[in-house]
Protein backbone atom coordinates (compact mmCIF):
# COMPACT_ATOMS: atom_id res chain seq x y z
CA MET A 1 10.98 0.41 48.54
CA ARG A 2 9.58 -2.88 47.29
CA VAL A 3 10.69 -3.57 43.74
CA ASP A 4 7.32 -5.08 42.81
CA LEU A 5 5.75 -1.61 43.20
CA PHE A 6 7.40 -0.78 39.86
CA ASP A 7 5.98 -3.73 37.94
CA PHE A 8 3.48 -3.50 35.07
CA HIS A 9 2.36 -5.69 32.19
CA LEU A 10 3.63 -4.77 28.74
CA PRO A 11 2.23 -6.63 25.71
CA GLU A 12 5.00 -7.98 23.45
CA GLU A 13 3.66 -6.08 20.45
CA ARG A 14 4.42 -2.76 22.18
CA ILE A 15 8.21 -3.37 21.97
CA ALA A 16 9.63 -1.39 19.04
CA LEU A 17 12.08 -3.29 16.84
CA ARG A 18 12.89 -0.33 14.56
CA PRO A 19 12.87 3.42 15.15
CA ALA A 20 10.22 5.69 13.68
CA GLU A 21 10.97 7.21 10.29
CA PRO A 22 11.49 10.10 10.22
CA ARG A 23 12.78 10.21 13.79
CA GLU A 24 10.71 13.21 14.83
CA ALA A 25 7.56 11.33 13.81
CA ALA A 26 7.82 9.29 17.01
CA ARG A 27 5.00 9.93 19.45
CA LEU A 28 5.51 12.08 22.55
CA LEU A 29 3.41 11.84 25.70
CA HIS A 30 3.50 15.07 27.73
CA VAL A 31 3.07 14.24 31.43
CA GLN A 32 2.24 16.99 33.92
CA PRO A 33 1.92 15.71 37.50
CA ALA A 34 -1.15 16.76 39.46
CA ALA A 35 -3.83 15.16 41.61
CA GLU A 36 -5.17 13.99 38.26
CA PRO A 37 -2.11 13.86 35.95
CA GLU A 38 -2.53 15.74 32.69
CA LEU A 39 -1.58 13.44 29.80
CA SER A 40 -1.37 14.98 26.33
CA ASP A 41 -0.43 13.25 23.07
CA PHE A 42 2.06 14.93 20.72
CA HIS A 43 4.97 14.00 18.45
CA ILE A 44 8.69 14.58 18.91
CA ALA A 45 8.47 17.27 16.21
CA ASP A 46 6.35 19.30 18.68
CA LEU A 47 9.09 19.43 21.31
CA ALA A 48 10.06 23.09 20.81
CA SER A 49 6.44 24.19 21.30
CA LEU A 50 6.29 22.34 24.64
CA LEU A 51 9.38 24.07 26.02
CA ARG A 52 10.02 27.75 26.78
CA PRO A 53 12.41 30.30 25.31
CA GLY A 54 15.41 30.42 27.62
CA ASP A 55 15.27 26.72 28.51
CA ALA A 56 18.45 24.64 28.08
CA VAL A 57 18.30 21.19 26.49
CA VAL A 58 21.12 18.86 27.58
CA VAL A 59 22.10 15.85 25.46
CA ASN A 60 24.59 13.02 25.97
CA ASP A 61 27.31 12.97 23.31
CA THR A 62 28.63 9.49 24.10
CA ARG A 63 29.23 7.16 21.15
CA VAL A 64 28.36 3.45 21.23
CA ILE A 65 31.26 1.11 20.55
CA PRO A 66 30.92 -2.46 19.18
CA ALA A 67 31.29 -3.84 22.68
CA ARG A 68 29.94 -7.38 22.19
CA LEU A 69 32.84 -9.78 21.71
CA THR A 70 32.75 -13.52 20.94
CA GLY A 71 35.69 -15.88 21.22
CA ILE A 72 37.03 -19.06 22.78
CA ARG A 73 38.92 -20.26 25.82
CA VAL A 74 41.15 -23.30 25.38
CA ARG A 75 42.08 -25.47 28.38
CA GLY A 76 44.01 -28.50 27.23
CA GLU A 77 41.69 -30.18 24.75
CA ALA A 78 38.59 -28.49 26.21
CA VAL A 79 37.34 -25.53 24.19
CA ALA A 80 34.60 -23.21 25.51
CA ARG A 81 32.78 -20.52 23.53
CA ILE A 82 32.82 -17.23 25.44
CA GLU A 83 30.65 -14.13 24.96
CA ALA A 84 31.62 -10.85 26.62
CA THR A 85 29.92 -7.47 26.71
CA LEU A 86 32.32 -4.72 27.71
CA HIS A 87 30.73 -2.21 30.06
CA LYS A 88 33.38 0.01 31.69
CA ARG A 89 36.94 0.86 30.80
CA GLU A 90 39.35 0.55 33.72
CA GLY A 91 42.58 1.69 32.07
CA ASP A 92 44.45 1.77 28.77
CA SER A 93 44.29 -2.01 28.40
CA GLN A 94 41.57 -3.15 30.83
CA TRP A 95 37.79 -3.41 30.63
CA LEU A 96 35.14 -4.71 32.97
CA ALA A 97 32.83 -7.05 31.07
CA PHE A 98 29.81 -9.25 31.63
CA VAL A 99 30.80 -12.71 30.44
CA ARG A 100 28.76 -15.78 29.54
CA PRO A 101 29.37 -18.43 30.73
CA ALA A 102 31.59 -16.95 33.43
CA LYS A 103 31.83 -20.33 35.17
CA LYS A 104 33.92 -21.54 32.23
CA LEU A 105 36.69 -19.11 33.13
CA LYS A 106 39.43 -19.07 35.76
CA VAL A 107 41.62 -16.15 36.80
CA GLY A 108 44.78 -16.24 34.70
CA GLU A 109 43.19 -17.89 31.67
CA ARG A 110 43.21 -16.31 28.23
CA ILE A 111 40.36 -15.66 25.82
CA ARG A 112 40.88 -15.21 22.11
CA PHE A 113 38.11 -12.98 20.77
CA GLY A 114 37.34 -13.21 17.08
CA ALA A 115 38.52 -16.83 17.01
CA THR A 116 36.71 -20.14 16.63
CA SER A 117 37.83 -23.63 17.64
CA ASP A 118 38.92 -24.12 14.02
CA SER A 119 40.99 -20.93 13.88
CA MET A 120 43.54 -20.17 16.59
CA ALA A 121 46.25 -18.48 14.52
CA CYS A 122 47.30 -15.07 15.81
CA ASP A 123 46.49 -12.45 13.21
CA LEU A 124 44.70 -9.13 12.89
CA ALA A 125 41.29 -10.81 13.12
CA HIS A 126 41.91 -11.79 16.76
CA LEU A 127 42.04 -9.98 20.08
CA ASP A 128 43.48 -11.70 23.16
CA ALA A 129 42.60 -10.95 26.77
CA LEU A 130 43.65 -12.27 30.19
CA VAL A 131 41.12 -12.89 32.97
CA ILE A 132 42.46 -10.70 35.80
CA GLU A 133 39.57 -10.84 38.28
CA LYS A 134 36.13 -12.42 38.60
CA GLY A 135 33.26 -10.66 40.34
CA GLU A 136 29.55 -11.22 40.90
CA ASP A 137 26.82 -11.76 38.29
CA GLY A 138 29.27 -12.80 35.56
CA GLU A 139 31.40 -9.67 35.82
CA VAL A 140 35.05 -10.16 34.82
CA LEU A 141 38.02 -7.78 34.61
CA LEU A 142 39.82 -8.38 31.30
CA GLY A 143 43.36 -7.29 30.50
CA PHE A 144 43.92 -7.02 26.74
CA ASP A 145 47.19 -7.48 24.88
CA TYR A 146 46.68 -4.09 23.23
CA ALA A 147 46.24 -0.67 24.86
CA GLY A 148 44.93 2.80 24.08
CA ALA A 149 43.95 3.62 20.51
CA VAL A 150 45.32 0.28 19.24
CA LEU A 151 42.90 -1.55 21.54
CA ASP A 152 40.06 0.73 20.44
CA ASP A 153 40.74 -0.16 16.80
CA ALA A 154 40.89 -3.87 17.63
CA ILE A 155 37.52 -3.75 19.42
CA ILE A 156 35.98 -2.02 16.41
CA ARG A 157 37.45 -4.71 14.17
CA VAL A 158 36.34 -7.70 16.25
CA GLY A 159 33.25 -6.51 18.11
CA GLU A 160 29.55 -6.20 17.27
CA MET A 161 27.05 -3.47 18.13
CA PRO A 162 25.44 -4.44 21.46
CA LEU A 163 21.72 -4.21 20.66
CA PRO A 164 19.50 -4.42 23.76
CA PRO A 165 18.46 -7.99 24.58
CA TYR A 166 14.76 -7.24 24.06
CA ILE A 167 15.57 -6.43 20.40
CA ALA A 168 18.39 -8.92 19.80
CA SER A 169 16.17 -11.79 21.02
CA LYS A 170 13.51 -10.97 18.42
CA ARG A 171 15.52 -10.33 15.25
CA ALA A 172 19.04 -10.43 13.90
CA GLN A 173 21.22 -7.34 13.96
CA ASP A 174 21.84 -5.81 10.54
CA SER A 175 23.73 -2.94 8.92
CA GLN A 176 20.83 -0.54 9.54
CA ASP A 177 21.36 -0.86 13.29
CA ILE A 178 24.89 0.56 12.96
CA LYS A 179 23.24 3.83 11.87
CA ASP A 180 20.04 3.62 13.91
CA TYR A 181 21.72 2.90 17.26
CA GLN A 182 23.82 6.10 17.32
CA THR A 183 22.49 9.52 18.20
CA LEU A 184 22.99 12.67 16.14
CA PHE A 185 25.36 13.87 18.88
CA ALA A 186 27.52 10.72 19.16
CA ASN A 187 31.13 11.86 19.42
CA GLU A 188 32.91 10.54 22.52
CA ALA A 189 33.46 6.78 22.09
CA GLY A 190 32.90 4.64 25.16
CA ALA A 191 29.24 3.65 25.61
CA VAL A 192 27.98 0.10 25.23
CA ALA A 193 24.34 1.20 25.08
CA ALA A 194 22.85 4.20 23.31
CA PRO A 195 21.37 7.13 25.25
CA THR A 196 18.12 6.33 23.53
CA ALA A 197 16.15 9.55 24.09
CA GLY A 198 18.77 11.21 21.89
CA LEU A 199 17.93 8.85 19.03
CA HIS A 200 14.86 10.99 18.28
CA PHE A 201 16.89 14.07 17.36
CA THR A 202 17.48 15.22 13.79
CA PRO A 203 19.06 18.40 12.38
CA ALA A 204 15.55 19.72 11.73
CA LEU A 205 14.53 19.18 15.36
CA VAL A 206 17.68 20.91 16.63
CA ALA A 207 17.01 23.83 14.27
CA SER A 208 13.45 24.16 15.61
CA LEU A 209 14.78 24.36 19.18
CA GLU A 210 17.34 27.02 18.24
CA ALA A 211 14.65 29.03 16.42
CA ALA A 212 12.53 28.92 19.58
CA GLY A 213 15.34 30.36 21.71
CA ILE A 214 16.22 27.06 23.36
CA ALA A 215 19.94 26.36 23.74
CA LEU A 216 21.50 22.91 23.41
CA HIS A 217 24.38 21.70 25.58
CA ARG A 218 26.41 18.47 25.60
CA VAL A 219 27.56 16.30 28.49
CA THR A 220 29.06 12.81 28.40
CA LEU A 221 28.02 9.65 30.23
CA HIS A 222 29.40 6.38 28.87
CA VAL A 223 26.38 4.13 29.33
CA GLY A 224 27.31 0.67 30.62
CA ALA A 225 25.73 -2.72 30.02
CA GLY A 226 24.53 -2.62 33.61
CA THR A 227 21.59 -0.57 32.31
CA PHE A 228 20.13 -3.83 30.96
CA LEU A 229 20.64 -5.89 34.11
CA PRO A 230 17.44 -6.90 35.93
CA VAL A 231 16.90 -5.88 39.52
CA LYS A 232 17.18 -9.21 41.34
CA VAL A 233 16.46 -8.03 44.89
CA ASP A 234 13.09 -7.51 46.56
CA ASP A 235 13.96 -4.10 48.03
CA THR A 236 15.62 -1.20 46.21
CA ALA A 237 17.90 -0.62 49.21
CA ASN A 238 19.74 -3.85 48.36
CA HIS A 239 20.38 -3.14 44.68
CA ARG A 240 23.93 -2.30 43.54
CA MET A 241 24.35 0.06 40.59
CA HIS A 242 27.37 -0.36 38.31
CA ALA A 243 29.53 2.74 37.94
CA GLU A 244 29.67 4.70 34.68
CA PHE A 245 32.18 7.36 33.64
CA GLY A 246 30.95 10.85 32.85
CA ILE A 247 32.04 14.42 32.17
CA VAL A 248 30.43 17.82 32.63
CA SER A 249 32.74 20.54 31.34
CA ALA A 250 33.31 23.81 33.19
CA ASP A 251 31.78 25.73 30.27
CA VAL A 252 28.59 23.65 30.31
CA ALA A 253 28.30 23.94 34.10
CA GLN A 254 28.67 27.72 33.89
CA SER A 255 26.11 27.97 31.07
CA LEU A 256 23.52 25.87 32.89
CA ASN A 257 23.92 27.88 36.08
CA ALA A 258 23.39 31.05 34.03
CA VAL A 259 20.21 29.58 32.51
CA ARG A 260 18.88 28.81 35.98
CA ALA A 261 19.76 32.31 37.21
CA LYS A 262 17.66 33.82 34.41
CA GLY A 263 14.65 31.65 35.20
CA GLY A 264 15.18 29.07 32.48
CA ARG A 265 14.76 25.35 32.98
CA ILE A 266 17.26 22.53 32.49
CA VAL A 267 15.73 19.92 30.19
CA SER A 268 17.50 16.57 30.25
CA VAL A 269 17.41 14.44 27.11
CA GLY A 270 17.40 10.98 28.64
CA THR A 271 18.10 9.45 32.01
CA THR A 272 21.83 9.34 31.20
CA SER A 273 22.12 13.12 30.92
CA LEU A 274 20.05 13.39 34.09
CA ARG A 275 22.29 11.02 36.06
CA ILE A 276 25.53 12.79 35.20
CA LEU A 277 24.06 16.26 35.86
CA GLU A 278 22.58 15.20 39.19
CA SER A 279 25.99 13.75 40.09
CA ALA A 280 27.68 17.05 39.19
CA THR A 281 25.26 19.32 41.10
CA THR A 282 25.57 20.44 44.72
CA PRO A 283 22.67 20.08 47.19
CA ASP A 284 21.87 23.77 46.73
CA GLY A 285 21.51 23.37 42.95
CA VAL A 286 24.85 24.60 41.58
CA VAL A 287 26.12 22.59 38.61
CA GLN A 288 29.87 22.02 38.87
CA GLU A 289 32.57 20.72 36.56
CA PHE A 290 32.73 16.93 36.87
CA SER A 291 34.92 14.14 35.54
CA GLY A 292 34.74 10.68 37.07
CA ASP A 293 32.57 7.71 37.93
CA THR A 294 28.99 7.85 39.10
CA SER A 295 26.80 5.04 40.40
CA ILE A 296 23.89 7.26 41.40
CA PHE A 297 20.67 5.28 42.02
CA ILE A 298 17.53 7.42 41.96
CA THR A 299 14.31 6.14 43.50
CA PRO A 300 11.20 7.89 44.89
CA GLY A 301 12.15 10.19 47.74
CA TYR A 302 15.21 11.55 45.95
CA THR A 303 15.46 15.36 45.87
CA PHE A 304 16.40 16.53 42.37
CA ARG A 305 19.08 19.18 42.23
CA ALA A 306 19.52 20.04 38.55
CA ILE A 307 16.80 18.76 36.25
CA ASP A 308 13.43 20.44 35.74
CA VAL A 309 12.10 18.56 32.69
CA LEU A 310 12.98 15.09 31.38
CA LEU A 311 12.59 13.72 27.85
CA THR A 312 12.89 9.95 28.01
CA ASN A 313 11.72 6.75 26.33
CA PHE A 314 9.43 4.20 27.97
CA HIS A 315 11.29 1.79 30.25
CA LEU A 316 11.13 -1.84 31.37
CA PRO A 317 9.00 -3.03 34.31
CA LYS A 318 10.86 -3.14 37.64
CA SER A 319 13.90 -1.46 36.07
CA THR A 320 16.10 1.17 37.70
CA LEU A 321 15.03 3.58 34.94
CA PHE A 322 11.32 3.19 35.67
CA MET A 323 12.21 3.81 39.32
CA LEU A 324 14.02 7.00 38.24
CA VAL A 325 11.08 8.42 36.27
CA SER A 326 8.77 7.50 39.15
CA ALA A 327 11.02 9.53 41.44
CA PHE A 328 10.89 12.43 38.99
CA SER A 329 7.15 12.67 38.35
CA GLY A 330 5.64 10.41 41.02
CA LEU A 331 4.98 6.67 40.99
CA GLU A 332 1.21 6.97 40.64
CA THR A 333 1.59 9.55 37.86
CA MET A 334 3.94 7.27 35.92
CA GLN A 335 1.71 4.24 36.43
CA ARG A 336 -1.17 6.20 34.89
CA ALA A 337 1.06 7.54 32.10
CA TYR A 338 2.31 4.07 31.18
CA ALA A 339 -1.21 2.63 31.28
CA HIS A 340 -2.29 5.38 28.87
CA ALA A 341 0.70 4.73 26.61
CA ILE A 342 0.01 0.99 26.46
CA ALA A 343 -3.71 1.48 25.83
CA THR A 344 -3.16 4.01 23.03
CA GLY A 345 -0.45 2.15 21.13
CA TYR A 346 2.79 3.88 22.12
CA ARG A 347 5.96 1.96 21.23
CA PHE A 348 8.32 1.06 24.08
CA TYR A 349 12.05 0.82 24.82
CA SER A 350 15.16 1.85 22.87
CA TYR A 351 13.62 2.29 19.42
CA GLY A 352 10.24 3.37 20.76
CA ASP A 353 8.33 6.58 21.47
CA ALA A 354 9.03 9.06 24.27
CA CYS A 355 7.48 11.02 27.10
CA LEU A 356 8.18 14.57 28.24
CA LEU A 357 8.00 14.65 32.03
CA GLU A 358 7.48 17.69 34.21
CA ARG A 359 9.01 17.31 37.66
CA GLY A 360 6.54 16.34 40.38
């Protein structure tokens, strides 16, 4: 499909720079596909009333790590400042990263993260990495001097929280973001971007779901920085998705299959939960245990296997995520829904409001 079919104009003032307080006060647009889509305005606090007893809500329990690293590369007397955003772990000591400027690096060179040109001493404030491979679009495979939990601790010590570029370009990161950019369910460290639909959840909201007879289940998808990359091709068939690591446990798979057997619906909190569940589900709709990489790319024409309802934030124009929601509820339905959201003051992107989508 042509990528420009997924374009729309979003006024700058619609981009949320802070989350709603309290979280469940965020607005919620209920979208029911039809010849004339039914669009109803609610708040996140109303979620339980919009679902059914016996439904299963699935959240992503990944935890965002401080994956933005800054350091230097020294070549003789030439010193270059290097910025890297880790996006996928490749082993105990290796990470794939998007690096700027990648042209300043050669395979075999070393980067000292946490260092400046005035400070090259090796101490606990620094983290060294070797450039092992260079790929396309600034992607680099880095081999660190540390491994396992020691490397994890070093990244926490040296790195910064990777706020989305549409927020980071408009204000400085602060200590509040360390709290705001993690979900209530964050447990499994490894994401470099938050599963933002989960940011709306509070203990009170979870309690309201439980009281309504709606179960909550956890899966893991370590969201990569590729989620922020623009689609640079003219046709979706030519776009390459970056792989992300995910897990669906045997217990969760069994529980979700039981929900389906009893007539309940699977409600995905966010596109990340949706992608890992769709990757773990057979063509005939059976959710299976899963542990591994997925690079699933969902565009209109895709046949959904697992998900019946999707809670998600509002996404960027021409993004893979807007393509996904258009596949789920229909492109024309989502164009009308987004036009309504823009006209009525909904807040967009990671810290913004949400929509509850019924499958088209």
